[in-house]
C-alpha atoms as a PDB file:
ATOM      1  CA  UNK A   1       8.846 -14.796   6.135  1.00  0.00           C
ATOM      2  CA  UNK A   2      11.432 -12.091   6.402  1.00  0.00           C
ATOM      3  CA  UNK A   3      13.909 -11.937   9.214  1.00  0.00           C
ATOM      4  CA  UNK A   4      11.919  -8.874  11.677  1.00  0.00           C
ATOM      5  CA  UNK A   5      15.673  -7.834  12.682  1.00  0.00           C
ATOM      6  CA  UNK A   6      16.414  -7.370   8.608  1.00  0.00           C
ATOM      7  CA  UNK A   7      12.504  -6.287   7.843  1.00  0.00           C
ATOM      8  CA  UNK A   8      12.204  -3.004   6.103  1.00  0.00           C
ATOM      9  CA  UNK A   9       8.689  -2.074   8.086  1.00  0.00           C
ATOM     10  CA  UNK A  10       9.649  -3.189  11.738  1.00  0.00           C
ATOM     11  CA  UNK A  11      11.102  -0.510  13.569  1.00  0.00           C
ATOM     12  CA  UNK A  12      14.235   1.214  12.285  1.00  0.00           C
ATOM     13  CA  UNK A  13      13.854   0.174   9.317  1.00  0.00           C
ATOM     14  CA  UNK A  14      14.045   2.090   5.714  1.00  0.00           C
ATOM     15  CA  UNK A  15      10.273   1.942   5.044  1.00  0.00           C
ATOM     16  CA  UNK A  16       9.508   4.177   8.327  1.00  0.00           C
ATOM     17  CA  UNK A  17      11.658   7.009   7.452  1.00  0.00           C
ATOM     18  CA  UNK A  18       8.909   9.448   6.753  1.00  0.00           C
ATOM     19  CA  UNK A  19       6.663   9.203   9.509  1.00  0.00           C
ATOM     20  CA  UNK A  20       2.807  10.437   8.982  1.00  0.00           C
ATOM     21  CA  UNK A  21       1.071   9.075  12.049  1.00  0.00           C
ATOM     22  CA  UNK A  22       1.480   6.283  15.168  1.00  0.00           C
ATOM     23  CA  UNK A  23      -0.171   4.767  17.769  1.00  0.00           C
ATOM     24  CA  UNK A  24       0.320   1.763  19.848  1.00  0.00           C
ATOM     25  CA  UNK A  25      -0.183  -0.539  17.013  1.00  0.00           C
ATOM     26  CA  UNK A  26       0.005   0.717  13.893  1.00  0.00           C
ATOM     27  CA  UNK A  27       2.438   3.248  11.414  1.00  0.00           C
ATOM     28  CA  UNK A  28       1.319   5.589   8.712  1.00  0.00           C
ATOM     29  CA  UNK A  29       3.905   6.860   6.462  1.00  0.00           C
ATOM     30  CA  UNK A  30       4.899   8.141   3.193  1.00  0.00           C
ATOM     31  CA  UNK A  31       6.344   5.420   0.989  1.00  0.00           C
ATOM     32  CA  UNK A  32      10.290   6.063   0.895  1.00  0.00           C
ATOM     33  CA  UNK A  33       9.794   5.371  -2.991  1.00  0.00           C
ATOM     34  CA  UNK A  34       6.910   6.801  -3.735  1.00  0.00           C
ATOM     35  CA  UNK A  35       4.985   6.178  -6.848  1.00  0.00           C
ATOM     36  CA  UNK A  36       3.356  10.000  -7.195  1.00  0.00           C
ATOM     37  CA  UNK A  37       3.605  12.475  -4.365  1.00  0.00           C
ATOM     38  CA  UNK A  38       0.810  11.217  -2.082  1.00  0.00           C
ATOM     39  CA  UNK A  39       2.194   7.631  -1.392  1.00  0.00           C
ATOM     40  CA  UNK A  40       1.238   6.245   1.814  1.00  0.00           C
ATOM     41  CA  UNK A  41       1.422   3.172   3.693  1.00  0.00           C
ATOM     42  CA  UNK A  42      -0.298   1.729   6.930  1.00  0.00           C
ATOM     43  CA  UNK A  43       1.713  -0.457   8.425  1.00  0.00           C
ATOM     44  CA  UNK A  44       1.208  -2.686  11.356  1.00  0.00           C
ATOM     45  CA  UNK A  45       3.769  -2.724  14.196  1.00  0.00           C
ATOM     46  CA  UNK A  46       3.464  -6.475  14.492  1.00  0.00           C
ATOM     47  CA  UNK A  47       5.575  -8.473  12.354  1.00  0.00           C
ATOM     48  CA  UNK A  48       2.606 -10.395  10.473  1.00  0.00           C
ATOM     49  CA  UNK A  49       2.594 -11.166   7.036  1.00  0.00           C
ATOM     50  CA  UNK A  50      -0.659  -9.306   5.313  1.00  0.00           C
ATOM     51  CA  UNK A  51      -3.474  -7.320   6.985  1.00  0.00           C
ATOM     52  CA  UNK A  52      -5.730 -10.470   6.511  1.00  0.00           C
ATOM     53  CA  UNK A  53      -3.253 -12.085   9.352  1.00  0.00           C
ATOM     54  CA  UNK A  54      -4.447  -9.758  11.902  1.00  0.00           C
ATOM     55  CA  UNK A  55      -6.445 -10.705  15.174  1.00  0.00           C
ATOM     56  CA  UNK A  56      -9.671  -9.261  15.019  1.00  0.00           C
ATOM     57  CA  UNK A  57      -9.267  -6.315  17.339  1.00  0.00           C
ATOM     58  CA  UNK A  58      -6.681  -5.093  15.262  1.00  0.00           C
ATOM     59  CA  UNK A  59      -8.056  -5.806  12.073  1.00  0.00           C
ATOM     60  CA  UNK A  60     -10.759  -3.293  13.213  1.00  0.00           C
ATOM     61  CA  UNK A  61      -8.063  -0.899  14.337  1.00  0.00           C
ATOM     62  CA  UNK A  62      -6.917  -0.996  10.703  1.00  0.00           C
ATOM     63  CA  UNK A  63     -10.033  -0.726   8.889  1.00  0.00           C
ATOM     64  CA  UNK A  64     -10.196   2.939  11.042  1.00  0.00           C
ATOM     65  CA  UNK A  65      -6.562   3.850  10.038  1.00  0.00           C
ATOM     66  CA  UNK A  66      -7.647   2.585   6.723  1.00  0.00           C
ATOM     67  CA  UNK A  67     -11.137   5.448   5.925  1.00  0.00           C
ATOM     68  CA  UNK A  68      -8.539   8.004   7.488  1.00  0.00           C
ATOM     69  CA  UNK A  69      -5.888   7.700   4.861  1.00  0.00           C
ATOM     70  CA  UNK A  70      -8.682   7.626   2.162  1.00  0.00           C
ATOM     71  CA  UNK A  71     -10.847  10.112   3.523  1.00  0.00           C
ATOM     72  CA  UNK A  72      -7.150  12.244   3.059  1.00  0.00           C
ATOM     73  CA  UNK A  73      -6.066  11.150  -0.576  1.00  0.00           C
ATOM     74  CA  UNK A  74      -9.399  11.864  -1.923  1.00  0.00           C
ATOM     75  CA  UNK A  75      -9.620  15.622  -0.182  1.00  0.00           C
ATOM     76  CA  UNK A  76      -6.482  16.094  -1.291  1.00  0.00           C
ATOM     77  CA  UNK A  77      -5.653  14.667  -4.226  1.00  0.00           C
ATOM     78  CA  UNK A  78      -8.898  13.525  -5.821  1.00  0.00           C
ATOM     79  CA  UNK A  79      -9.656   9.669  -6.468  1.00  0.00           C
ATOM     80  CA  UNK A  80      -7.580   7.164  -4.343  1.00  0.00           C
ATOM     81  CA  UNK A  81      -6.008   3.987  -5.885  1.00  0.00           C
ATOM     82  CA  UNK A  82      -5.430   1.225  -3.198  1.00  0.00           C
ATOM     83  CA  UNK A  83      -3.249  -2.091  -2.931  1.00  0.00           C
ATOM     84  CA  UNK A  84      -1.676  -4.823  -0.859  1.00  0.00           C
ATOM     85  CA  UNK A  85      -0.132  -7.694  -1.995  1.00  0.00           C
ATOM     86  CA  UNK A  86      -1.388 -10.095   0.677  1.00  0.00           C
ATOM     87  CA  UNK A  87       1.798 -12.563   0.364  1.00  0.00           C
ATOM     88  CA  UNK A  88       1.132 -12.843  -3.635  1.00  0.00           C
ATOM     89  CA  UNK A  89       3.131 -10.307  -4.604  1.00  0.00           C
ATOM     90  CA  UNK A  90       5.120  -9.221  -1.795  1.00  0.00           C
ATOM     91  CA  UNK A  91       8.722  -7.715  -1.974  1.00  0.00           C
ATOM     92  CA  UNK A  92       8.830  -6.681   1.687  1.00  0.00           C
ATOM     93  CA  UNK A  93       7.736  -9.663   3.472  1.00  0.00           C
ATOM     94  CA  UNK A  94       5.338  -7.600   6.528  1.00  0.00           C
ATOM     95  CA  UNK A  95       2.205  -6.471   6.159  1.00  0.00           C
ATOM     96  CA  UNK A  96       1.448  -3.253   4.192  1.00  0.00           C
ATOM     97  CA  UNK A  97      -1.589  -1.207   2.212  1.00  0.00           C
ATOM     98  CA  UNK A  98      -0.306   1.397  -0.246  1.00  0.00           C
ATOM     99  CA  UNK A  99      -2.621   4.656  -1.071  1.00  0.00           C
ATOM    100  CA  UNK A 100      -1.808   7.125  -3.777  1.00  0.00           C
ATOM    101  CA  UNK A 101      -3.510   9.136  -5.566  1.00  0.00           C
ATOM    102  CA  UNK A 102      -4.694   7.612  -8.704  1.00  0.00           C
ATOM    103  CA  UNK A 103      -7.640   7.760 -11.551  1.00  0.00           C
ATOM    104  CA  UNK A 104      -7.980   4.903 -13.839  1.00  0.00           C
ATOM    105  CA  UNK A 105     -10.492   1.602 -14.172  1.00  0.00           C
ATOM    106  CA  UNK A 106      -9.569  -1.463 -12.909  1.00  0.00           C
ATOM    107  CA  UNK A 107      -9.961  -3.573 -16.202  1.00  0.00           C
ATOM    108  CA  UNK A 108      -6.696  -1.377 -16.893  1.00  0.00           C
ATOM    109  CA  UNK A 109      -5.187  -2.431 -13.800  1.00  0.00           C
ATOM    110  CA  UNK A 110      -6.227  -5.918 -14.579  1.00  0.00           C
ATOM    111  CA  UNK A 111      -6.712  -7.050 -17.797  1.00  0.00           C
ATOM    112  CA  UNK A 112      -6.538 -10.992 -17.541  1.00  0.00           C
ATOM    113  CA  UNK A 113     -10.168 -12.412 -17.772  1.00  0.00           C
ATOM    114  CA  UNK A 114     -11.525 -14.188 -15.063  1.00  0.00           C
ATOM    115  CA  UNK A 115      -9.104 -12.436 -12.231  1.00  0.00           C
ATOM    116  CA  UNK A 116     -11.713 -10.354 -10.591  1.00  0.00           C
ATOM    117  CA  UNK A 117     -13.933 -10.650  -7.535  1.00  0.00           C
ATOM    118  CA  UNK A 118     -15.689  -7.763  -6.718  1.00  0.00           C
ATOM    119  CA  UNK A 119     -15.916  -7.242  -2.840  1.00  0.00           C
ATOM    120  CA  UNK A 120     -18.405  -5.494  -0.297  1.00  0.00           C
ATOM    121  CA  UNK A 121     -16.250  -5.145   2.633  1.00  0.00           C
ATOM    122  CA  UNK A 122     -12.815  -4.963   3.943  1.00  0.00           C
ATOM    123  CA  UNK A 123     -13.333  -8.063   6.165  1.00  0.00           C
ATOM    124  CA  UNK A 124     -13.536 -10.177   2.494  1.00  0.00           C
ATOM    125  CA  UNK A 125      -9.468  -9.992   2.923  1.00  0.00           C
ATOM    126  CA  UNK A 126      -9.367 -11.786   6.182  1.00  0.00           C
ATOM    127  CA  UNK A 127     -11.975 -14.680   5.287  1.00  0.00           C
ATOM    128  CA  UNK A 128      -9.575 -14.947   1.664  1.00  0.00           C
ATOM    129  CA  UNK A 129      -6.565 -15.389   4.147  1.00  0.00           C
ATOM    130  CA  UNK A 130      -8.349 -17.510   6.591  1.00  0.00           C
ATOM    131  CA  UNK A 131      -9.363 -19.362   3.253  1.00  0.00           C
ATOM    132  CA  UNK A 132      -6.638 -19.588   1.358  1.00  0.00           C
ATOM    133  CA  UNK A 133      -3.564 -18.252   3.414  1.00  0.00           C
ATOM    134  CA  UNK A 134      -2.826 -15.640   0.493  1.00  0.00           C
ATOM    135  CA  UNK A 135      -4.968 -12.720  -1.569  1.00  0.00           C
ATOM    136  CA  UNK A 136      -4.444  -9.997  -3.572  1.00  0.00           C
ATOM    137  CA  UNK A 137      -6.402  -6.690  -3.019  1.00  0.00           C
ATOM    138  CA  UNK A 138      -6.869  -3.658  -4.681  1.00  0.00           C
ATOM    139  CA  UNK A 139      -9.385  -0.708  -4.947  1.00  0.00           C
ATOM    140  CA  UNK A 140     -10.439   2.305  -6.139  1.00  0.00           C
ATOM    141  CA  UNK A 141     -11.754   4.670  -4.039  1.00  0.00           C
ATOM    142  CA  UNK A 142     -14.974   2.723  -2.200  1.00  0.00           C
ATOM    143  CA  UNK A 143     -14.721  -0.026  -4.991  1.00  0.00           C
ATOM    144  CA  UNK A 144     -12.970  -3.008  -4.001  1.00  0.00           C
ATOM    145  CA  UNK A 145     -11.829  -6.382  -5.527  1.00  0.00           C
ATOM    146  CA  UNK A 146      -9.812  -9.142  -4.889  1.00  0.00           C
ATOM    147  CA  UNK A 147      -7.401 -10.431  -7.801  1.00  0.00           C
ATOM    148  CA  UNK A 148      -6.798 -14.249  -8.887  1.00  0.00           C
ATOM    149  CA  UNK A 149      -3.648 -14.528  -7.084  1.00  0.00           C
ATOM    150  CA  UNK A 150      -2.313 -16.886  -9.741  1.00  0.00           C
ATOM    151  CA  UNK A 151      -1.352 -14.247 -11.890  1.00  0.00           C
ATOM    152  CA  UNK A 152       0.808 -12.382  -9.239  1.00  0.00           C
ATOM    153  CA  UNK A 153       4.564 -11.737  -9.670  1.00  0.00           C
ATOM    154  CA  UNK A 154       6.671  -9.950  -7.294  1.00  0.00           C
ATOM    155  CA  UNK A 155       5.765  -5.728  -6.930  1.00  0.00           C
ATOM    156  CA  UNK A 156       3.013  -6.881  -9.233  1.00  0.00           C
ATOM    157  CA  UNK A 157       0.628  -3.526  -8.036  1.00  0.00           C
ATOM    158  CA  UNK A 158       3.467  -1.258  -8.180  1.00  0.00           C
ATOM    159  CA  UNK A 159       4.863  -2.465 -11.250  1.00  0.00           C
ATOM    160  CA  UNK A 160       1.222  -1.887 -12.972  1.00  0.00           C
ATOM    161  CA  UNK A 161       0.398   1.086 -11.156  1.00  0.00           C
ATOM    162  CA  UNK A 162       3.815   2.674 -11.840  1.00  0.00           C
ATOM    163  CA  UNK A 163       2.801   1.779 -15.480  1.00  0.00           C
ATOM    164  CA  UNK A 164      -0.283   3.634 -15.784  1.00  0.00           C
ATOM    165  CA  UNK A 165       0.785   6.611 -14.043  1.00  0.00           C
ATOM    166  CA  UNK A 166       3.937   6.654 -16.688  1.00  0.00           C
ATOM    167  CA  UNK A 167       6.309   6.129 -13.700  1.00  0.00           C
ATOM    168  CA  UNK A 168       7.627   2.751 -14.877  1.00  0.00           C
ATOM    169  CA  UNK A 169      10.844   4.364 -12.974  1.00  0.00           C
ATOM    170  CA  UNK A 170       9.679   4.511  -9.999  1.00  0.00           C
ATOM    171  CA  UNK A 171       8.274   0.864  -9.957  1.00  0.00           C
ATOM    172  CA  UNK A 172      10.696  -1.455  -8.782  1.00  0.00           C
ATOM    173  CA  UNK A 173      11.985   0.459  -5.651  1.00  0.00           C
ATOM    174  CA  UNK A 174      15.305  -1.470  -4.715  1.00  0.00           C
ATOM    175  CA  UNK A 175      16.953  -0.305  -8.236  1.00  0.00           C
ATOM    176  CA  UNK A 176      15.194   3.653  -7.562  1.00  0.00           C
ATOM    177  CA  UNK A 177      17.421   3.441  -4.581  1.00  0.00           C
ATOM    178  CA  UNK A 178      20.651   3.662  -6.895  1.00  0.00           C
ATOM    179  CA  UNK A 179      19.388   6.726  -8.790  1.00  0.00           C
ATOM    180  CA  UNK A 180      20.101   9.893  -7.025  1.00  0.00           C
ATOM    181  CA  UNK A 181      18.364  12.063  -9.281  1.00  0.00           C
ATOM    182  CA  UNK A 182      15.437  10.099  -8.606  1.00  0.00           C
ATOM    183  CA  UNK A 183      15.848   9.870  -4.976  1.00  0.00           C
ATOM    184  CA  UNK A 184      15.925  13.553  -5.075  1.00  0.00           C
ATOM    185  CA  UNK A 185      12.424  13.670  -6.421  1.00  0.00           C
ATOM    186  CA  UNK A 186      11.240  11.540  -3.670  1.00  0.00           C
ATOM    187  CA  UNK A 187      12.554  13.734  -1.176  1.00  0.00           C
ATOM    188  CA  UNK A 188      10.540  16.663  -2.717  1.00  0.00           C
ATOM    189  CA  UNK A 189       7.499  14.354  -3.170  1.00  0.00           C
ATOM    190  CA  UNK A 190       7.858  13.242   0.322  1.00  0.00           C
ATOM    191  CA  UNK A 191       8.269  16.926   1.688  1.00  0.00           C
ATOM    192  CA  UNK A 192       4.759  17.712  -0.046  1.00  0.00           C
ATOM    193  CA  UNK A 193       2.654  15.237   1.361  1.00  0.00           C
ATOM    194  CA  UNK A 194       4.245  15.844   4.748  1.00  0.00           C
ATOM    195  CA  UNK A 195       3.198  19.780   4.681  1.00  0.00           C
ATOM    196  CA  UNK A 196      -0.421  18.554   3.087  1.00  0.00           C
ATOM    197  CA  UNK A 197      -1.085  15.606   5.641  1.00  0.00           C
ATOM    198  CA  UNK A 198       0.429  18.103   8.503  1.00  0.00           C
ATOM    199  CA  UNK A 199      -2.155  21.029   7.338  1.00  0.00           C
ATOM    200  CA  UNK A 200      -5.304  18.394   7.192  1.00  0.00           C
ATOM    201  CA  UNK A 201      -5.034  17.189  10.110  1.00  0.00           C
ATOM    202  CA  UNK A 202      -3.511  19.836  12.650  1.00  0.00           C
END
């Protein structure tokens, strides 16, 4: 696991530069390198590998924040896409769930045969983590799936969502940080998102 002192999602990390909400256990932030305006992360303050590794108390808290962000995205932007690299496919080794405006089909994201399992509750990611030690999670609005981890690679979902959003250059956040023009676009997207969030929850 990544050293907490160097982690982008621990206190002082680059992934926390644009906060939207904070409580004792979690941050909700603008993705610092958004795939599209409206890209939000939920991040636990505890340096854990994935949401499935949280204890029951924190996981129940996470589920409430999950619904809060989903409600915001659907009301402000329309349809929502959600994903978590539950260890499989991670590039930052600290739990975080992505939410972003997105309207497409699950088979566009994961066309591979026999790789999709529909689930009915978020608790299934805890069960999957406890059974297998990793998972890939994706949701479109209220529909949720676990994906076969054997097809994962670093940045799996970011890459696929970026391609479907016609924003391939945004997919690799590490490379994007060296692109001044793109960073300026990110700044504009983040500013618009923060304004919408503040107005929605005021």
